[in-house]
Amino acid sequence: MGAAIAVEGLSKRYRIGELHSAYGTLRDSLSTAARRAIHREQRSHYEEIWAVRNVTFDVVDGEVLGVIGRNGAGKSTLLKMLTRITTPTEGRATIRGRVGSLLEVGTGFHPELTGRQNVFLNGAVLGMKRREIVGKFDEIVEFAGVEQFIDTPVKRYSSGMSVRLAFAVAAHLEPDVLLVDEVLAVGDAEFQRRCLGRMEDLSESGRTLIFVSHQMQAVSQLCDRALWLDHGQVVGEGESAEVVARYLQAGFGSGSHREWPDLASAPGDDLVRLQSVRVVDERGQLIDTLDVRRSVGIEITFVVLRIGEAILPKIKVYDSRGDVAFNAMDTSARWHEPSSPGEHTTTAWIPGNLLNEGLTSVDVSVCSLGAPKLYPHAGCYDAVSFHTRDPGDGDSARGLFTGQWKGVVRPLLDWTTEVR
């Protein structure tokens, strides 16, 4: 399978802070030129920044690549170089086939032309013949939902109408390569669902897609692979769910494993000390990302230093917004009596189809029960985190719905139905 997109050492440098004088007389211009000639060795009054620096990757035919990163990481600049809107300072990018792009709201639309005229104009730019555009026209207008306004100048469209029509044109004229930047940032939930569905259809039909988004669930669901940019450089690349998990964990400040090798400085007191916390799958393997349908274990290893009072392991689980999803404590009989000194490992199993998609973080503690409150002997806030994702193949609590459920949990419930 050949490379539809080949990027090698692509870089873009900008100069900021350079001083430009206002319009002046001929004498002013000549004197300025003379001063520059005399002081040619003086340091220029500008600063150079690299928006993108030495980015290299390939995208094979039919692959969907997600590009993620914080604002200012260089994502949009990268796409602008791929579409030849911006000239790279260094490096090269080779794209095979017809390219369609949606980089900003209404990109490529002429504001004075009607929606109908812009559809034909954009199609011509993509190299489409008129009969091809005519054959797709009704489908484009229906998808965009602008039938009533198709003969109205685009300058009178709302931002939502513009982006719906722009996406419909870019996606339905069937380019070989489609570049999309934050199309899901504008539009309602129904439009976002249709966009994801259309991009999935394009990828299944063998089109190549680069998708930039801040919506991590969409990247995990849609993309085969992800590229993580930070300060213009690639800091992560690989399977989309894994890269998304590392990106979210980096922003959150914790990962799926925490260890305290020095018992004397580990969290705890003279009764209990934490030794490690891990996020594990059903086989006990360390994981960063979780299929929403699978159970996940929070494994806590702690050391009891002396015989004392009865203790209880406890976890508190948060969603990506920092809201408490639930608290859980092991109240089984094994903890009713004082624990013997030594190392103990206990795992709290969170069942599948319970957590919502996104980043999940966990506090852990080992407590004793002093009615009506718990007394913590050892604990760690934000001890571990992991990313929960839904593959979107229809047998989870989300079913065939492609949008994002709200709420801290998303259980798969039993339903009973009677028909009379």
Protein backbone atom coordinates (compact mmCIF):
# COMPACT_ATOMS: atom_id res chain seq x y z
CA MET A 1 0.00 0.00 0.00
CA GLY A 2 1.56 3.28 -1.13
CA ALA A 3 1.86 6.55 0.75
CA ALA A 4 -0.86 9.05 -0.11
CA ILE A 5 0.96 11.71 1.92
CA ALA A 6 4.72 11.81 2.51
CA VAL A 7 6.07 14.56 4.77
CA GLU A 8 9.80 14.93 5.32
CA GLY A 9 11.44 17.47 7.64
CA LEU A 10 8.61 19.97 7.22
CA SER A 11 9.25 23.24 9.09
CA LYS A 12 7.80 26.74 9.21
CA ARG A 13 9.58 29.74 10.75
CA TYR A 14 8.00 33.10 11.50
CA ARG A 15 9.60 36.37 12.51
CA ILE A 16 7.80 38.32 15.20
CA GLY A 17 8.51 41.69 16.71
CA GLU A 18 10.23 43.18 13.64
CA LEU A 19 9.77 46.96 13.56
CA HIS A 20 8.36 48.55 10.43
CA SER A 21 8.34 52.33 10.07
CA ALA A 22 5.30 54.21 8.87
CA TYR A 23 5.16 55.86 5.46
CA GLY A 24 7.78 58.62 5.17
CA THR A 25 9.45 60.91 2.68
CA LEU A 26 12.05 59.90 0.11
CA ARG A 27 14.70 61.56 2.31
CA ASP A 28 13.59 59.40 5.26
CA SER A 29 13.82 56.25 3.16
CA LEU A 30 17.29 57.11 1.86
CA SER A 31 18.61 57.95 5.32
CA THR A 32 17.16 54.71 6.73
CA ALA A 33 18.86 52.70 3.97
CA ALA A 34 22.14 54.44 4.73
CA ARG A 35 21.88 53.68 8.44
CA ARG A 36 21.16 50.03 7.70
CA ALA A 37 24.23 49.84 5.45
CA ILE A 38 26.42 51.36 8.17
CA HIS A 39 25.03 49.19 10.94
CA ARG A 40 24.61 46.02 8.96
CA GLU A 41 26.18 43.95 11.72
CA GLN A 42 23.77 45.18 14.37
CA ARG A 43 21.25 42.68 15.71
CA SER A 44 17.86 42.81 13.99
CA HIS A 45 14.81 43.79 16.06
CA TYR A 46 12.88 40.61 15.64
CA GLU A 47 12.50 37.19 17.17
CA GLU A 48 12.25 33.95 15.25
CA ILE A 49 9.81 31.24 16.22
CA TRP A 50 9.28 27.84 14.66
CA ALA A 51 5.56 27.10 14.38
CA VAL A 52 6.41 23.67 12.96
CA ARG A 53 9.86 22.09 13.26
CA ASN A 54 11.22 19.02 11.47
CA VAL A 55 7.94 17.08 11.17
CA THR A 56 8.19 13.78 9.29
CA PHE A 57 5.44 11.21 8.72
CA ASP A 58 3.67 9.15 6.06
CA VAL A 59 -0.04 8.45 5.61
CA VAL A 60 -0.87 5.38 3.53
CA ASP A 61 -3.82 5.17 1.15
CA GLY A 62 -7.09 4.86 3.04
CA GLU A 63 -5.61 5.69 6.44
CA VAL A 64 -7.14 8.23 8.85
CA LEU A 65 -4.54 10.24 10.78
CA GLY A 66 -5.53 12.39 13.74
CA VAL A 67 -3.41 15.40 14.70
CA ILE A 68 -3.71 16.52 18.32
CA GLY A 69 -2.04 19.04 20.60
CA ARG A 70 -2.69 22.17 22.57
CA ASN A 71 -3.58 25.52 21.01
CA GLY A 72 -0.48 26.91 19.33
CA ALA A 73 1.12 23.49 18.91
CA GLY A 74 1.37 23.92 15.12
CA LYS A 75 -1.55 21.76 13.96
CA SER A 76 -3.23 24.33 11.71
CA THR A 77 0.10 25.54 10.33
CA LEU A 78 0.92 21.96 9.36
CA LEU A 79 -2.35 21.59 7.45
CA LYS A 80 -1.87 24.95 5.72
CA MET A 81 1.50 23.77 4.44
CA LEU A 82 -0.04 20.52 3.22
CA THR A 83 -2.68 22.48 1.28
CA ARG A 84 -0.01 24.89 -0.04
CA ILE A 85 -1.67 27.91 1.57
CA THR A 86 1.56 28.45 3.50
CA THR A 87 5.04 27.89 2.05
CA PRO A 88 7.33 25.80 4.28
CA THR A 89 10.66 27.22 5.40
CA GLU A 90 12.28 23.79 5.21
CA GLY A 91 11.34 20.29 4.15
CA ARG A 92 8.84 18.95 1.68
CA ALA A 93 5.39 17.34 1.51
CA THR A 94 4.18 15.12 -1.33
CA ILE A 95 0.47 14.36 -1.76
CA ARG A 96 -0.85 11.98 -4.39
CA GLY A 97 -4.33 12.63 -5.78
CA ARG A 98 -6.98 15.31 -5.56
CA VAL A 99 -6.99 17.22 -2.26
CA GLY A 100 -10.03 18.64 -0.48
CA SER A 101 -9.65 20.74 2.64
CA LEU A 102 -11.67 22.45 5.31
CA LEU A 103 -9.32 24.53 7.42
CA GLU A 104 -11.57 27.34 8.63
CA VAL A 105 -15.25 28.25 8.54
CA GLY A 106 -16.17 28.78 4.88
CA THR A 107 -12.63 28.26 3.59
CA GLY A 108 -12.52 28.97 -0.14
CA PHE A 109 -15.99 30.48 -0.30
CA HIS A 110 -16.50 33.79 -2.08
CA PRO A 111 -18.78 35.84 0.20
CA GLU A 112 -20.53 37.63 -2.66
CA LEU A 113 -21.47 34.43 -4.46
CA THR A 114 -24.45 32.30 -3.52
CA GLY A 115 -24.17 28.90 -1.90
CA ARG A 116 -25.01 27.26 -5.23
CA GLN A 117 -22.30 29.20 -7.07
CA ASN A 118 -19.74 28.39 -4.37
CA VAL A 119 -20.47 24.67 -4.62
CA PHE A 120 -19.65 24.76 -8.36
CA LEU A 121 -16.64 27.01 -7.79
CA ASN A 122 -15.17 24.72 -5.14
CA GLY A 123 -15.83 21.69 -7.27
CA ALA A 124 -13.99 23.28 -10.19
CA VAL A 125 -11.03 24.09 -7.93
CA LEU A 126 -10.90 20.41 -6.94
CA GLY A 127 -10.79 19.47 -10.61
CA MET A 128 -14.35 18.16 -10.83
CA LYS A 129 -16.21 18.29 -14.10
CA ARG A 130 -19.54 20.12 -14.10
CA ARG A 131 -21.57 16.94 -14.61
CA GLU A 132 -19.87 15.38 -11.57
CA ILE A 133 -20.82 18.37 -9.42
CA VAL A 134 -24.39 18.32 -10.71
CA GLY A 135 -24.63 14.64 -9.80
CA LYS A 136 -23.60 15.37 -6.19
CA PHE A 137 -25.35 18.73 -5.78
CA ASP A 138 -28.61 17.60 -4.19
CA GLU A 139 -26.76 15.32 -1.75
CA ILE A 140 -24.45 18.19 -0.72
CA VAL A 141 -27.31 20.62 -0.10
CA GLU A 142 -29.35 18.05 1.83
CA PHE A 143 -26.38 17.16 4.05
CA ALA A 144 -25.66 20.82 4.77
CA GLY A 145 -29.32 21.57 5.53
CA VAL A 146 -29.25 24.89 3.66
CA GLU A 147 -31.86 24.16 0.97
CA GLN A 148 -33.80 27.34 1.80
CA PHE A 149 -30.70 29.53 1.50
CA ILE A 150 -28.77 27.88 -1.32
CA ASP A 151 -29.34 30.88 -3.63
CA THR A 152 -28.48 33.43 -0.91
CA PRO A 153 -25.00 35.05 -0.88
CA VAL A 154 -22.71 33.24 1.54
CA LYS A 155 -21.88 36.50 3.33
CA ARG A 156 -25.38 36.33 4.81
CA TYR A 157 -24.87 32.80 6.21
CA SER A 158 -24.30 32.20 9.90
CA SER A 159 -21.01 30.54 10.86
CA GLY A 160 -22.86 27.26 11.40
CA MET A 161 -24.44 27.37 7.93
CA SER A 162 -21.09 28.21 6.34
CA VAL A 163 -19.23 25.35 7.99
CA ARG A 164 -22.02 22.87 7.18
CA LEU A 165 -21.92 23.76 3.50
CA ALA A 166 -18.13 23.90 3.41
CA PHE A 167 -17.82 20.45 4.96
CA ALA A 168 -20.52 19.04 2.68
CA VAL A 169 -18.66 20.30 -0.39
CA ALA A 170 -15.27 19.05 0.80
CA ALA A 171 -16.58 15.62 1.79
CA HIS A 172 -19.05 14.89 -1.01
CA LEU A 173 -16.94 15.85 -4.02
CA GLU A 174 -14.88 12.80 -3.09
CA PRO A 175 -11.28 14.01 -3.04
CA ASP A 176 -8.55 11.39 -2.76
CA VAL A 177 -7.18 13.20 0.31
CA LEU A 178 -9.31 15.21 2.74
CA LEU A 179 -7.77 17.59 5.29
CA VAL A 180 -10.13 18.72 8.07
CA ASP A 181 -9.31 21.20 10.84
CA GLU A 182 -11.72 21.45 13.80
CA VAL A 183 -14.91 20.97 11.82
CA LEU A 184 -16.56 19.62 14.99
CA ALA A 185 -15.94 22.88 16.85
CA VAL A 186 -18.86 24.52 15.05
CA GLY A 187 -22.33 23.08 14.67
CA ASP A 188 -24.84 21.24 16.78
CA ALA A 189 -24.64 17.65 18.00
CA GLU A 190 -26.61 16.31 15.04
CA PHE A 191 -24.24 17.94 12.55
CA GLN A 192 -21.21 16.61 14.43
CA ARG A 193 -22.68 13.11 14.33
CA ARG A 194 -23.24 13.39 10.58
CA CYS A 195 -19.69 14.71 10.03
CA LEU A 196 -18.19 11.75 11.87
CA GLY A 197 -20.37 9.36 9.94
CA ARG A 198 -19.39 10.92 6.62
CA MET A 199 -15.68 10.82 7.46
CA GLU A 200 -16.03 7.16 8.44
CA ASP A 201 -17.71 6.49 5.08
CA LEU A 202 -14.86 8.21 3.24
CA SER A 203 -12.20 6.21 5.08
CA GLU A 204 -14.04 2.94 4.43
CA SER A 205 -14.18 3.80 0.71
CA GLY A 206 -10.38 4.11 0.61
CA ARG A 207 -9.99 7.89 0.93
CA THR A 208 -7.15 9.28 2.99
CA LEU A 209 -7.99 11.68 5.79
CA ILE A 210 -6.08 13.97 8.16
CA PHE A 211 -8.28 15.13 11.00
CA VAL A 212 -7.31 17.88 13.47
CA SER A 213 -9.48 18.11 16.56
CA HIS A 214 -9.55 18.88 20.28
CA GLN A 215 -12.29 16.28 20.75
CA MET A 216 -10.28 13.29 21.88
CA GLN A 217 -13.16 10.82 21.73
CA ALA A 218 -13.69 11.65 18.05
CA VAL A 219 -9.97 11.15 17.35
CA SER A 220 -9.96 7.80 19.19
CA GLN A 221 -13.07 6.62 17.36
CA LEU A 222 -12.32 7.83 13.85
CA CYS A 223 -8.55 7.69 13.43
CA ASP A 224 -6.31 4.69 12.87
CA ARG A 225 -3.25 6.58 14.02
CA ALA A 226 -2.53 9.87 15.78
CA LEU A 227 0.25 12.46 15.67
CA TRP A 228 0.83 14.53 18.83
CA LEU A 229 2.38 17.96 18.26
CA ASP A 230 3.83 20.18 20.97
CA HIS A 231 5.63 23.47 20.22
CA GLY A 232 5.70 22.50 16.56
CA GLN A 233 7.41 19.14 17.05
CA VAL A 234 6.17 15.56 17.06
CA VAL A 235 6.26 14.24 20.64
CA GLY A 236 4.04 11.20 20.13
CA GLU A 237 2.93 8.99 17.26
CA GLY A 238 1.12 5.67 17.11
CA GLU A 239 -2.24 3.96 17.58
CA SER A 240 -4.79 6.72 18.17
CA ALA A 241 -6.19 5.55 21.52
CA GLU A 242 -2.69 5.12 23.00
CA VAL A 243 -1.49 8.54 21.84
CA VAL A 244 -4.68 10.22 23.09
CA ALA A 245 -4.24 8.53 26.48
CA ARG A 246 -0.64 9.76 26.81
CA TYR A 247 -1.65 13.26 25.70
CA LEU A 248 -4.45 13.48 28.27
CA GLN A 249 -2.29 12.02 31.03
CA ALA A 250 0.49 14.51 30.27
CA GLY A 251 -1.96 17.38 30.62
CA PHE A 252 -3.38 15.89 33.80
CA GLY A 253 -0.02 15.22 35.38
CA SER A 254 -0.37 11.50 36.14
CA GLY A 255 -0.13 8.19 34.32
CA SER A 256 -1.29 4.64 34.80
CA HIS A 257 1.46 3.72 37.27
CA ARG A 258 2.72 5.34 40.47
CA GLU A 259 5.43 3.83 42.68
CA TRP A 260 7.20 4.81 45.91
CA PRO A 261 10.41 2.73 46.13
CA ASP A 262 11.55 4.41 49.37
CA LEU A 263 9.16 3.21 52.04
CA ALA A 264 10.33 5.84 54.52
CA SER A 265 9.16 8.69 52.27
CA ALA A 266 6.07 6.95 50.84
CA PRO A 267 2.60 8.30 51.67
CA GLY A 268 1.38 6.96 55.00
CA ASP A 269 1.98 6.85 58.75
CA ASP A 270 3.40 4.44 61.30
CA LEU A 271 0.67 1.88 60.50
CA VAL A 272 0.44 1.82 56.68
CA ARG A 273 2.59 3.04 53.76
CA LEU A 274 1.70 3.01 50.06
CA GLN A 275 4.08 1.16 47.76
CA SER A 276 2.49 1.36 44.28
CA VAL A 277 -0.73 1.97 42.35
CA ARG A 278 -1.36 0.55 38.87
CA VAL A 279 -4.15 0.53 36.28
CA VAL A 280 -4.44 -3.03 34.97
CA ASP A 281 -6.55 -5.06 32.57
CA GLU A 282 -8.18 -8.43 33.25
CA ARG A 283 -4.81 -10.18 32.74
CA GLY A 284 -3.04 -7.93 35.21
CA GLN A 285 -1.19 -6.03 32.47
CA LEU A 286 -0.53 -2.31 32.86
CA ILE A 287 -2.76 -0.21 30.55
CA ASP A 288 -3.15 3.46 29.62
CA THR A 289 -6.30 3.14 27.55
CA LEU A 290 -9.43 1.07 28.13
CA ASP A 291 -12.16 -0.29 25.88
CA VAL A 292 -15.34 0.93 27.58
CA ARG A 293 -16.78 -2.60 27.42
CA ARG A 294 -13.95 -4.16 29.44
CA SER A 295 -13.41 -4.14 33.19
CA VAL A 296 -10.41 -2.30 34.61
CA GLY A 297 -8.57 -2.82 37.87
CA ILE A 298 -7.04 -0.27 40.23
CA GLU A 299 -4.28 -2.27 41.88
CA ILE A 300 -3.02 -0.90 45.22
CA THR A 301 0.05 -2.31 46.95
CA PHE A 302 0.71 -1.16 50.50
CA VAL A 303 2.78 -2.26 53.48
CA VAL A 304 1.33 -2.76 56.94
CA LEU A 305 4.09 -1.89 59.42
CA ARG A 306 2.56 -3.24 62.63
CA ILE A 307 -0.53 -4.90 64.01
CA GLY A 308 -3.08 -2.22 64.73
CA GLU A 309 -6.67 -1.49 63.92
CA ALA A 310 -8.67 -2.87 61.02
CA ILE A 311 -8.04 -1.05 57.74
CA LEU A 312 -9.99 -0.61 54.50
CA PRO A 313 -8.66 0.13 50.96
CA LYS A 314 -10.63 2.86 49.19
CA ILE A 315 -10.74 4.61 45.79
CA LYS A 316 -12.42 7.79 44.54
CA VAL A 317 -13.01 8.02 40.80
CA TYR A 318 -13.29 11.29 38.81
CA ASP A 319 -14.31 12.04 35.25
CA SER A 320 -12.41 14.30 32.83
CA ARG A 321 -14.17 17.41 34.19
CA GLY A 322 -13.06 16.65 37.74
CA ASP A 323 -16.52 15.58 38.92
CA VAL A 324 -16.71 12.64 41.30
CA ALA A 325 -18.08 9.59 39.51
CA PHE A 326 -18.18 7.40 42.61
CA ASN A 327 -16.42 6.27 45.78
CA ALA A 328 -15.73 2.60 46.47
CA MET A 329 -14.37 0.72 49.48
CA ASP A 330 -13.61 -2.95 50.10
CA THR A 331 -15.90 -3.85 53.03
CA SER A 332 -15.38 -7.63 52.80
CA ALA A 333 -14.69 -9.72 55.92
CA ARG A 334 -10.92 -9.88 55.27
CA TRP A 335 -10.58 -6.31 56.51
CA HIS A 336 -12.73 -6.70 59.65
CA GLU A 337 -9.75 -7.73 61.76
CA PRO A 338 -6.40 -5.98 62.14
CA SER A 339 -4.15 -6.79 59.18
CA SER A 340 -0.91 -8.67 59.68
CA PRO A 341 2.34 -6.80 59.01
CA GLY A 342 3.76 -7.17 55.49
CA GLU A 343 3.01 -6.32 51.89
CA HIS A 344 -0.60 -6.44 50.72
CA THR A 345 -1.95 -6.07 47.17
CA THR A 346 -5.63 -5.44 46.55
CA THR A 347 -7.39 -4.62 43.27
CA ALA A 348 -10.67 -2.74 42.86
CA TRP A 349 -12.40 -3.94 39.68
CA ILE A 350 -14.55 -1.41 37.83
CA PRO A 351 -16.97 -3.27 35.55
CA GLY A 352 -17.23 -2.68 31.82
CA ASN A 353 -19.92 -0.42 30.37
CA LEU A 354 -19.94 1.80 33.44
CA LEU A 355 -17.45 4.62 32.93
CA ASN A 356 -18.07 7.35 30.40
CA GLU A 357 -15.57 8.02 27.64
CA GLY A 358 -12.61 10.30 28.27
CA LEU A 359 -9.99 10.69 30.96
CA THR A 360 -10.61 8.99 34.30
CA SER A 361 -8.49 9.76 37.36
CA VAL A 362 -8.37 7.95 40.68
CA ASP A 363 -7.51 8.85 44.28
CA VAL A 364 -6.45 5.93 46.48
CA SER A 365 -6.28 5.58 50.24
CA VAL A 366 -6.04 3.04 53.04
CA CYS A 367 -8.32 3.98 55.92
CA SER A 368 -9.62 2.79 59.24
CA LEU A 369 -13.24 3.12 60.25
CA GLY A 370 -13.93 5.51 63.10
CA ALA A 371 -17.69 5.93 63.04
CA PRO A 372 -19.16 7.92 61.48
CA LYS A 373 -16.02 8.91 59.52
CA LEU A 374 -13.07 7.29 57.81
CA TYR A 375 -9.58 7.98 59.07
CA PRO A 376 -6.96 7.87 56.24
CA HIS A 377 -3.62 6.31 57.17
CA ALA A 378 -2.12 6.42 53.65
CA GLY A 379 -3.37 8.10 50.52
CA CYS A 380 -2.54 9.79 47.23
CA TYR A 381 -4.64 12.29 45.29
CA ASP A 382 -4.69 11.82 41.50
CA ALA A 383 -2.64 8.68 41.96
CA VAL A 384 -3.31 7.29 38.49
CA SER A 385 -5.32 8.08 35.36
CA PHE A 386 -6.38 6.31 32.19
CA HIS A 387 -8.36 6.99 29.02
CA THR A 388 -11.66 5.22 28.36
CA ARG A 389 -12.72 4.91 24.72
CA ASP A 390 -15.58 3.37 22.77
CA PRO A 391 -14.59 1.63 19.51
CA GLY A 392 -18.03 2.54 18.17
CA ASP A 393 -18.92 -0.87 16.75
CA GLY A 394 -22.38 -0.91 18.26
CA ASP A 395 -22.41 -3.31 21.23
CA SER A 396 -21.74 -0.89 24.07
CA ALA A 397 -24.08 1.36 26.05
CA ARG A 398 -23.80 3.96 23.29
CA GLY A 399 -25.05 1.51 20.70
CA LEU A 400 -25.13 2.95 17.20
CA PHE A 401 -25.17 6.54 18.48
CA THR A 402 -21.91 8.24 17.44
CA GLY A 403 -22.10 11.28 19.69
CA GLN A 404 -20.84 11.87 23.22
CA TRP A 405 -23.02 10.97 26.19
CA LYS A 406 -23.07 13.48 29.02
CA GLY A 407 -22.59 12.41 32.62
CA VAL A 408 -19.87 10.89 34.77
CA VAL A 409 -20.98 7.30 34.14
CA ARG A 410 -22.63 5.56 31.21
CA PRO A 411 -23.94 2.18 32.40
CA LEU A 412 -25.37 -0.53 30.20
CA LEU A 413 -28.71 -1.23 31.88
CA ASP A 414 -31.14 -4.11 31.56
CA TRP A 415 -34.36 -3.04 29.85
CA THR A 416 -37.71 -4.84 29.92
CA THR A 417 -40.34 -4.11 27.31
CA GLU A 418 -43.97 -5.14 26.98
CA VAL A 419 -45.98 -4.76 23.80
CA ARG A 420 -49.78 -4.77 24.15
